[in-house]
Amino acid sequence: MTIKEIQEEIIDEFSMFEDWMERYEYIIELGKSLPLIDDQYKLDENLIKGCQSKVWMHSEIDTDKIKFTADSDAILTKGIVALLLRVFSDQTPKAILDADTSFIDEIGLKEHLSPTRANGLVSMVKQIKMYAIAQQAKLSS
């Protein structure tokens, strides 16, 4: 699936919920299905800067696609990470760099997070894009 198709799927899923309590519960459920990062990658260098809670993220290239794994010590944040990885994992660096993230606004996520969590969300997206830049550079060389 393309990033756009996955984003549209997520928008459809979020539109089924009546209110934000149901959406929060759904995000928390998503976090429970997050493919956990291997303990060897739970290092300070893999922590996302700017997050209120601890979020570790690791990427590796598989053929020409980036696979992400992550974990967080907060259940809501873990769900947010799961949502982002669903969109960006198993995509090419170019697709990740070309993707827009307007789906986050379309589902109303940023406006329903505390300012520190919203900053963390922006930091996670930036880190995903930074990994894509680094992996694209490796593939080009």
C-alpha atoms as a PDB file:
ATOM      1  CA  MET A   1       0.000   0.000   0.000  1.00  0.00           C
ATOM      2  CA  THR A   2       1.116   3.534  -0.644  1.00  0.00           C
ATOM      3  CA  ILE A   3       1.506   6.059   2.161  1.00  0.00           C
ATOM      4  CA  LYS A   4      -1.507   7.987   0.824  1.00  0.00           C
ATOM      5  CA  GLU A   5      -3.686   4.837   0.829  1.00  0.00           C
ATOM      6  CA  ILE A   6      -2.686   4.027   4.408  1.00  0.00           C
ATOM      7  CA  GLN A   7      -3.415   7.604   5.478  1.00  0.00           C
ATOM      8  CA  GLU A   8      -6.863   7.459   3.853  1.00  0.00           C
ATOM      9  CA  GLU A   9      -7.538   4.170   5.641  1.00  0.00           C
ATOM     10  CA  ILE A  10      -6.632   5.794   8.983  1.00  0.00           C
ATOM     11  CA  ILE A  11      -8.868   8.818   8.251  1.00  0.00           C
ATOM     12  CA  ASP A  12     -11.759   6.416   7.519  1.00  0.00           C
ATOM     13  CA  GLU A  13     -11.117   4.488  10.741  1.00  0.00           C
ATOM     14  CA  PHE A  14     -11.086   7.659  12.853  1.00  0.00           C
ATOM     15  CA  SER A  15     -14.299   8.928  11.244  1.00  0.00           C
ATOM     16  CA  MET A  16     -16.156   5.891  12.656  1.00  0.00           C
ATOM     17  CA  PHE A  17     -15.702   7.091  16.238  1.00  0.00           C
ATOM     18  CA  GLU A  18     -18.262   9.334  17.901  1.00  0.00           C
ATOM     19  CA  ASP A  19     -15.946  11.239  20.204  1.00  0.00           C
ATOM     20  CA  TRP A  20     -12.344  11.683  21.240  1.00  0.00           C
ATOM     21  CA  MET A  21     -12.526   9.286  24.187  1.00  0.00           C
ATOM     22  CA  GLU A  22     -13.202   6.474  21.703  1.00  0.00           C
ATOM     23  CA  ARG A  23     -10.356   7.700  19.503  1.00  0.00           C
ATOM     24  CA  TYR A  24      -7.950   7.776  22.456  1.00  0.00           C
ATOM     25  CA  GLU A  25      -8.958   4.199  23.326  1.00  0.00           C
ATOM     26  CA  TYR A  26      -8.332   3.184  19.713  1.00  0.00           C
ATOM     27  CA  ILE A  27      -4.899   4.858  19.715  1.00  0.00           C
ATOM     28  CA  ILE A  28      -4.025   3.014  22.951  1.00  0.00           C
ATOM     29  CA  GLU A  29      -5.126  -0.272  21.346  1.00  0.00           C
ATOM     30  CA  LEU A  30      -2.888   0.459  18.345  1.00  0.00           C
ATOM     31  CA  GLY A  31       0.012   0.879  20.755  1.00  0.00           C
ATOM     32  CA  LYS A  32      -0.507  -2.647  22.052  1.00  0.00           C
ATOM     33  CA  SER A  33       0.126  -4.003  18.554  1.00  0.00           C
ATOM     34  CA  LEU A  34       3.313  -1.975  18.022  1.00  0.00           C
ATOM     35  CA  PRO A  35       6.213  -4.187  16.896  1.00  0.00           C
ATOM     36  CA  LEU A  36       8.563  -3.605  19.792  1.00  0.00           C
ATOM     37  CA  ILE A  37      12.046  -2.334  19.357  1.00  0.00           C
ATOM     38  CA  ASP A  38      14.759  -4.798  20.306  1.00  0.00           C
ATOM     39  CA  ASP A  39      16.268  -3.970  23.706  1.00  0.00           C
ATOM     40  CA  GLN A  40      19.676  -3.440  22.072  1.00  0.00           C
ATOM     41  CA  TYR A  41      18.215  -0.318  20.381  1.00  0.00           C
ATOM     42  CA  LYS A  42      16.781   1.191  23.567  1.00  0.00           C
ATOM     43  CA  LEU A  43      19.718   3.572  23.749  1.00  0.00           C
ATOM     44  CA  ASP A  44      19.860   7.295  24.417  1.00  0.00           C
ATOM     45  CA  GLU A  45      20.902   7.891  20.805  1.00  0.00           C
ATOM     46  CA  ASN A  46      17.579   6.358  19.654  1.00  0.00           C
ATOM     47  CA  LEU A  47      15.455   8.522  21.950  1.00  0.00           C
ATOM     48  CA  ILE A  48      13.279  11.065  20.171  1.00  0.00           C
ATOM     49  CA  LYS A  49      14.206  14.531  21.375  1.00  0.00           C
ATOM     50  CA  GLY A  50      11.257  16.766  22.214  1.00  0.00           C
ATOM     51  CA  CYS A  51       8.940  14.071  23.547  1.00  0.00           C
ATOM     52  CA  GLN A  52       7.488  14.353  27.024  1.00  0.00           C
ATOM     53  CA  SER A  53       7.712  10.589  27.487  1.00  0.00           C
ATOM     54  CA  LYS A  54      10.520   8.332  26.387  1.00  0.00           C
ATOM     55  CA  VAL A  55      10.235   7.191  22.785  1.00  0.00           C
ATOM     56  CA  TRP A  56      12.870   5.010  21.184  1.00  0.00           C
ATOM     57  CA  MET A  57      12.890   4.560  17.423  1.00  0.00           C
ATOM     58  CA  HIS A  58      15.136   2.469  15.226  1.00  0.00           C
ATOM     59  CA  SER A  59      15.215   2.084  11.464  1.00  0.00           C
ATOM     60  CA  GLU A  60      16.910  -0.308   9.108  1.00  0.00           C
ATOM     61  CA  ILE A  61      16.836  -0.676   5.373  1.00  0.00           C
ATOM     62  CA  ASP A  62      15.440  -3.884   3.907  1.00  0.00           C
ATOM     63  CA  THR A  63      16.068  -4.015   0.145  1.00  0.00           C
ATOM     64  CA  ASP A  64      14.993  -0.445  -0.665  1.00  0.00           C
ATOM     65  CA  LYS A  65      12.412   0.060   2.083  1.00  0.00           C
ATOM     66  CA  ILE A  66      12.819   1.348   5.612  1.00  0.00           C
ATOM     67  CA  LYS A  67      11.509  -0.750   8.486  1.00  0.00           C
ATOM     68  CA  PHE A  68      10.895   1.051  11.756  1.00  0.00           C
ATOM     69  CA  THR A  69      10.555  -0.341  15.244  1.00  0.00           C
ATOM     70  CA  ALA A  70       9.798   1.721  18.321  1.00  0.00           C
ATOM     71  CA  ASP A  71       8.642   1.739  21.918  1.00  0.00           C
ATOM     72  CA  SER A  72       7.510   4.247  24.496  1.00  0.00           C
ATOM     73  CA  ASP A  73       7.045   4.266  28.246  1.00  0.00           C
ATOM     74  CA  ALA A  74       3.609   5.952  27.866  1.00  0.00           C
ATOM     75  CA  ILE A  75       0.581   4.084  26.505  1.00  0.00           C
ATOM     76  CA  LEU A  76      -0.916   6.958  24.507  1.00  0.00           C
ATOM     77  CA  THR A  77       2.461   7.858  23.022  1.00  0.00           C
ATOM     78  CA  LYS A  78       3.023   4.220  22.107  1.00  0.00           C
ATOM     79  CA  GLY A  79      -0.240   4.360  20.148  1.00  0.00           C
ATOM     80  CA  ILE A  80       0.790   7.550  18.361  1.00  0.00           C
ATOM     81  CA  VAL A  81       4.095   5.939  17.387  1.00  0.00           C
ATOM     82  CA  ALA A  82       2.208   2.839  16.165  1.00  0.00           C
ATOM     83  CA  LEU A  83       0.041   5.073  13.976  1.00  0.00           C
ATOM     84  CA  LEU A  84       3.081   6.785  12.443  1.00  0.00           C
ATOM     85  CA  LEU A  85       4.936   3.518  11.863  1.00  0.00           C
ATOM     86  CA  ARG A  86       1.862   2.049  10.191  1.00  0.00           C
ATOM     87  CA  VAL A  87       2.087   4.896   7.683  1.00  0.00           C
ATOM     88  CA  PHE A  88       5.849   5.106   7.180  1.00  0.00           C
ATOM     89  CA  SER A  89       7.329   1.657   7.853  1.00  0.00           C
ATOM     90  CA  ASP A  90       7.991  -0.545   4.810  1.00  0.00           C
ATOM     91  CA  GLN A  91       8.161   2.486   2.503  1.00  0.00           C
ATOM     92  CA  THR A  92      11.015   3.776   0.395  1.00  0.00           C
ATOM     93  CA  PRO A  93      13.025   6.766   1.657  1.00  0.00           C
ATOM     94  CA  LYS A  94      11.754   8.817  -1.307  1.00  0.00           C
ATOM     95  CA  ALA A  95       8.108   7.992  -0.543  1.00  0.00           C
ATOM     96  CA  ILE A  96       8.623   8.991   3.104  1.00  0.00           C
ATOM     97  CA  LEU A  97      10.298  12.271   2.153  1.00  0.00           C
ATOM     98  CA  ASP A  98       7.614  13.080  -0.442  1.00  0.00           C
ATOM     99  CA  ALA A  99       4.714  12.237   1.887  1.00  0.00           C
ATOM    100  CA  ASP A 100       2.697  14.934   3.503  1.00  0.00           C
ATOM    101  CA  THR A 101       1.336  14.449   6.993  1.00  0.00           C
ATOM    102  CA  SER A 102      -1.976  16.274   6.628  1.00  0.00           C
ATOM    103  CA  PHE A 103      -3.790  13.108   7.762  1.00  0.00           C
ATOM    104  CA  ILE A 104      -2.697  14.034  11.314  1.00  0.00           C
ATOM    105  CA  ASP A 105      -4.694  17.263  11.047  1.00  0.00           C
ATOM    106  CA  GLU A 106      -7.561  15.556   9.205  1.00  0.00           C
ATOM    107  CA  ILE A 107      -8.113  13.118  12.087  1.00  0.00           C
ATOM    108  CA  GLY A 108      -7.747  16.011  14.557  1.00  0.00           C
ATOM    109  CA  LEU A 109      -4.923  14.366  16.446  1.00  0.00           C
ATOM    110  CA  LYS A 110      -2.660  17.357  17.053  1.00  0.00           C
ATOM    111  CA  GLU A 111      -5.460  19.558  18.364  1.00  0.00           C
ATOM    112  CA  HIS A 112      -6.536  16.884  20.860  1.00  0.00           C
ATOM    113  CA  LEU A 113      -3.093  16.405  22.367  1.00  0.00           C
ATOM    114  CA  SER A 114      -1.475  18.429  25.090  1.00  0.00           C
ATOM    115  CA  PRO A 115       1.079  20.932  23.738  1.00  0.00           C
ATOM    116  CA  THR A 116       3.982  18.738  24.921  1.00  0.00           C
ATOM    117  CA  ARG A 117       2.511  15.621  23.268  1.00  0.00           C
ATOM    118  CA  ALA A 118       1.840  17.598  20.056  1.00  0.00           C
ATOM    119  CA  ASN A 119       5.501  18.711  20.085  1.00  0.00           C
ATOM    120  CA  GLY A 120       6.501  15.085  20.573  1.00  0.00           C
ATOM    121  CA  LEU A 121       4.381  14.071  17.580  1.00  0.00           C
ATOM    122  CA  VAL A 122       6.126  16.677  15.415  1.00  0.00           C
ATOM    123  CA  SER A 123       9.502  15.422  16.707  1.00  0.00           C
ATOM    124  CA  MET A 124       8.603  11.822  15.799  1.00  0.00           C
ATOM    125  CA  VAL A 125       7.653  12.817  12.239  1.00  0.00           C
ATOM    126  CA  LYS A 126      10.898  14.834  11.920  1.00  0.00           C
ATOM    127  CA  GLN A 127      12.929  11.846  13.109  1.00  0.00           C
ATOM    128  CA  ILE A 128      11.219   9.526  10.616  1.00  0.00           C
ATOM    129  CA  LYS A 129      12.080  11.999   7.824  1.00  0.00           C
ATOM    130  CA  MET A 130      15.688  12.255   9.102  1.00  0.00           C
ATOM    131  CA  TYR A 131      16.019   8.451   8.982  1.00  0.00           C
ATOM    132  CA  ALA A 132      14.684   8.561   5.403  1.00  0.00           C
ATOM    133  CA  ILE A 133      17.262  11.198   4.425  1.00  0.00           C
ATOM    134  CA  ALA A 134      20.067   9.113   5.952  1.00  0.00           C
ATOM    135  CA  GLN A 135      18.892   5.878   4.299  1.00  0.00           C
ATOM    136  CA  GLN A 136      18.430   7.588   0.933  1.00  0.00           C
ATOM    137  CA  ALA A 137      22.001   8.883   1.148  1.00  0.00           C
ATOM    138  CA  LYS A 138      23.243   5.332   1.849  1.00  0.00           C
ATOM    139  CA  LEU A 139      21.281   3.935  -1.095  1.00  0.00           C
ATOM    140  CA  SER A 140      22.642   6.648  -3.413  1.00  0.00           C
ATOM    141  CA  SER A 141      26.270   6.018  -2.535  1.00  0.00           C
END
